[in-house]
Amino acid sequence: MPAILLQVFGQDIALNCAASEQKRLEDLAAALNARLAGFAGDPDAMRALVLTSLALLDETQATAAALARARGELDRLTDMIVDARAEPAKPEPADEQRGRTPALRIVSGAA
């Protein structure tokens, strides 16, 4: 596996990864650096990394919880659709029972 060199919070970090993962890791390192920039006033790099990591984990867990709720709702709605399709169709009441007047018939030759 080829090694790539990422720079995070001003420090070089060498990682072994597949060639197909290189761009993704570079993008993640850039996103992490952007988040770390918010802690630039803090001289302690480890503290900034920990705070950023906690924020990212919090976002990940919140997203996972929202996704689980959405999946549950999709399952509930799917069950409702399946149940609705499984019920036999109700016959339509006759026109007379619905208050309609039967259609007039045109007799051939009469006009």
C-alpha atoms as a PDB file:
ATOM      1  CA  MET A   1       0.000   0.000   0.000  1.00  0.00           C
ATOM      2  CA  PRO A   2       1.334   3.409  -0.857  1.00  0.00           C
ATOM      3  CA  ALA A   3       1.912   5.930   1.912  1.00  0.00           C
ATOM      4  CA  ILE A   4       0.461   9.415   1.742  1.00  0.00           C
ATOM      5  CA  LEU A   5       1.527  12.422   3.741  1.00  0.00           C
ATOM      6  CA  LEU A   6      -1.249  14.475   5.325  1.00  0.00           C
ATOM      7  CA  GLN A   7      -0.798  17.680   7.223  1.00  0.00           C
ATOM      8  CA  VAL A   8      -3.095  18.106  10.218  1.00  0.00           C
ATOM      9  CA  PHE A   9      -2.762  21.059  12.582  1.00  0.00           C
ATOM     10  CA  GLY A  10       0.629  21.849  11.096  1.00  0.00           C
ATOM     11  CA  GLN A  11       2.010  18.361  11.666  1.00  0.00           C
ATOM     12  CA  ASP A  12       2.863  15.850   8.950  1.00  0.00           C
ATOM     13  CA  ILE A  13       1.159  12.477   9.330  1.00  0.00           C
ATOM     14  CA  ALA A  14       2.102   9.530   7.123  1.00  0.00           C
ATOM     15  CA  LEU A  15      -0.646   6.993   6.405  1.00  0.00           C
ATOM     16  CA  ASN A  16      -0.712   3.800   4.400  1.00  0.00           C
ATOM     17  CA  CYS A  17      -3.812   3.524   2.272  1.00  0.00           C
ATOM     18  CA  ALA A  18      -5.083   2.166  -0.996  1.00  0.00           C
ATOM     19  CA  ALA A  19      -4.768   4.495  -3.966  1.00  0.00           C
ATOM     20  CA  SER A  20      -8.557   4.695  -4.143  1.00  0.00           C
ATOM     21  CA  GLU A  21      -8.686   6.059  -0.573  1.00  0.00           C
ATOM     22  CA  GLN A  22      -6.032   8.757  -0.980  1.00  0.00           C
ATOM     23  CA  LYS A  23      -8.330  11.543  -2.243  1.00  0.00           C
ATOM     24  CA  ARG A  24     -10.925  10.802   0.452  1.00  0.00           C
ATOM     25  CA  LEU A  25      -8.283  10.973   3.222  1.00  0.00           C
ATOM     26  CA  GLU A  26      -6.903  14.213   1.821  1.00  0.00           C
ATOM     27  CA  ASP A  27     -10.426  15.676   1.801  1.00  0.00           C
ATOM     28  CA  LEU A  28     -11.014  14.505   5.380  1.00  0.00           C
ATOM     29  CA  ALA A  29      -7.714  16.043   6.506  1.00  0.00           C
ATOM     30  CA  ALA A  30      -8.697  19.331   4.851  1.00  0.00           C
ATOM     31  CA  ALA A  31     -12.084  19.253   6.625  1.00  0.00           C
ATOM     32  CA  LEU A  32     -10.378  18.503   9.932  1.00  0.00           C
ATOM     33  CA  ASN A  33      -7.951  21.381   9.418  1.00  0.00           C
ATOM     34  CA  ALA A  34     -10.884  23.694   8.702  1.00  0.00           C
ATOM     35  CA  ARG A  35     -12.509  22.646  11.992  1.00  0.00           C
ATOM     36  CA  LEU A  36      -9.247  22.985  13.875  1.00  0.00           C
ATOM     37  CA  ALA A  37      -8.908  26.551  12.611  1.00  0.00           C
ATOM     38  CA  GLY A  38     -11.724  27.444  15.008  1.00  0.00           C
ATOM     39  CA  PHE A  39      -9.410  26.525  17.886  1.00  0.00           C
ATOM     40  CA  ALA A  40      -6.382  28.392  16.520  1.00  0.00           C
ATOM     41  CA  GLY A  41      -6.230  30.660  19.577  1.00  0.00           C
ATOM     42  CA  ASP A  42      -5.546  27.641  21.794  1.00  0.00           C
ATOM     43  CA  PRO A  43      -1.794  26.939  22.033  1.00  0.00           C
ATOM     44  CA  ASP A  44      -2.360  23.327  23.094  1.00  0.00           C
ATOM     45  CA  ALA A  45      -2.710  21.300  19.878  1.00  0.00           C
ATOM     46  CA  MET A  46      -3.805  18.151  21.699  1.00  0.00           C
ATOM     47  CA  ARG A  47      -6.663  20.023  23.378  1.00  0.00           C
ATOM     48  CA  ALA A  48      -7.807  21.348  20.001  1.00  0.00           C
ATOM     49  CA  LEU A  49      -7.668  17.872  18.481  1.00  0.00           C
ATOM     50  CA  VAL A  50      -9.670  16.419  21.356  1.00  0.00           C
ATOM     51  CA  LEU A  51     -12.314  19.158  21.147  1.00  0.00           C
ATOM     52  CA  THR A  52     -12.613  18.722  17.392  1.00  0.00           C
ATOM     53  CA  SER A  53     -12.805  14.942  17.697  1.00  0.00           C
ATOM     54  CA  LEU A  54     -15.545  15.221  20.318  1.00  0.00           C
ATOM     55  CA  ALA A  55     -17.511  17.600  18.112  1.00  0.00           C
ATOM     56  CA  LEU A  56     -17.200  15.239  15.134  1.00  0.00           C
ATOM     57  CA  LEU A  57     -18.239  12.218  17.200  1.00  0.00           C
ATOM     58  CA  ASP A  58     -21.222  14.162  18.533  1.00  0.00           C
ATOM     59  CA  GLU A  59     -22.323  15.065  14.998  1.00  0.00           C
ATOM     60  CA  THR A  60     -21.861  11.460  13.860  1.00  0.00           C
ATOM     61  CA  GLN A  61     -23.955  10.091  16.711  1.00  0.00           C
ATOM     62  CA  ALA A  62     -26.696  12.679  16.164  1.00  0.00           C
ATOM     63  CA  THR A  63     -26.785  11.849  12.455  1.00  0.00           C
ATOM     64  CA  ALA A  64     -26.886   8.111  13.170  1.00  0.00           C
ATOM     65  CA  ALA A  65     -29.787   8.613  15.605  1.00  0.00           C
ATOM     66  CA  ALA A  66     -31.712  10.710  13.062  1.00  0.00           C
ATOM     67  CA  LEU A  67     -31.078   8.077  10.408  1.00  0.00           C
ATOM     68  CA  ALA A  68     -32.348   5.330  12.728  1.00  0.00           C
ATOM     69  CA  ARG A  69     -35.521   7.353  13.398  1.00  0.00           C
ATOM     70  CA  ALA A  70     -36.009   7.887   9.647  1.00  0.00           C
ATOM     71  CA  ARG A  71     -35.565   4.170   8.967  1.00  0.00           C
ATOM     72  CA  GLY A  72     -38.138   3.376  11.649  1.00  0.00           C
ATOM     73  CA  GLU A  73     -40.585   5.811  10.090  1.00  0.00           C
ATOM     74  CA  LEU A  74     -39.996   4.312   6.633  1.00  0.00           C
ATOM     75  CA  ASP A  75     -40.645   0.836   8.035  1.00  0.00           C
ATOM     76  CA  ARG A  76     -43.858   2.059   9.690  1.00  0.00           C
ATOM     77  CA  LEU A  77     -45.079   3.689   6.477  1.00  0.00           C
ATOM     78  CA  THR A  78     -44.149   0.637   4.413  1.00  0.00           C
ATOM     79  CA  ASP A  79     -46.131  -1.563   6.793  1.00  0.00           C
ATOM     80  CA  MET A  80     -49.122   0.761   6.427  1.00  0.00           C
ATOM     81  CA  ILE A  81     -48.934   0.515   2.621  1.00  0.00           C
ATOM     82  CA  VAL A  82     -48.647  -3.274   2.723  1.00  0.00           C
ATOM     83  CA  ASP A  83     -51.601  -3.508   5.115  1.00  0.00           C
ATOM     84  CA  ALA A  84     -53.695  -1.196   2.920  1.00  0.00           C
ATOM     85  CA  ARG A  85     -52.970  -3.275  -0.167  1.00  0.00           C
ATOM     86  CA  ALA A  86     -53.765  -6.497   1.677  1.00  0.00           C
ATOM     87  CA  GLU A  87     -57.301  -5.373   2.626  1.00  0.00           C
ATOM     88  CA  PRO A  88     -59.954  -6.516   0.134  1.00  0.00           C
ATOM     89  CA  ALA A  89     -61.444  -3.748  -1.952  1.00  0.00           C
ATOM     90  CA  LYS A  90     -64.822  -2.571  -0.705  1.00  0.00           C
ATOM     91  CA  PRO A  91     -67.597  -2.819  -3.299  1.00  0.00           C
ATOM     92  CA  GLU A  92     -69.039   0.467  -4.497  1.00  0.00           C
ATOM     93  CA  PRO A  93     -72.632   1.044  -3.370  1.00  0.00           C
ATOM     94  CA  ALA A  94     -75.230   1.047  -6.134  1.00  0.00           C
ATOM     95  CA  ASP A  95     -76.019   4.423  -7.706  1.00  0.00           C
ATOM     96  CA  GLU A  96     -79.417   4.484  -6.006  1.00  0.00           C
ATOM     97  CA  GLN A  97     -77.799   4.077  -2.599  1.00  0.00           C
ATOM     98  CA  ARG A  98     -75.520   7.029  -3.260  1.00  0.00           C
ATOM     99  CA  GLY A  99     -78.419   9.294  -4.195  1.00  0.00           C
ATOM    100  CA  ARG A 100     -77.731   9.398  -7.928  1.00  0.00           C
ATOM    101  CA  THR A 101     -80.421   9.383 -10.571  1.00  0.00           C
ATOM    102  CA  PRO A 102     -80.054   6.592 -13.066  1.00  0.00           C
ATOM    103  CA  ALA A 103     -78.886   7.825 -16.459  1.00  0.00           C
ATOM    104  CA  LEU A 104     -81.564   8.467 -19.081  1.00  0.00           C
ATOM    105  CA  ARG A 105     -81.601   6.004 -21.904  1.00  0.00           C
ATOM    106  CA  ILE A 106     -82.089   7.160 -25.440  1.00  0.00           C
ATOM    107  CA  VAL A 107     -84.369   4.871 -27.335  1.00  0.00           C
ATOM    108  CA  SER A 108     -83.446   4.538 -30.988  1.00  0.00           C
ATOM    109  CA  GLY A 109     -85.868   6.341 -33.257  1.00  0.00           C
ATOM    110  CA  ALA A 110     -87.117   8.687 -30.532  1.00  0.00           C
ATOM    111  CA  ALA A 111     -85.907  12.232 -30.511  1.00  0.00           C
END
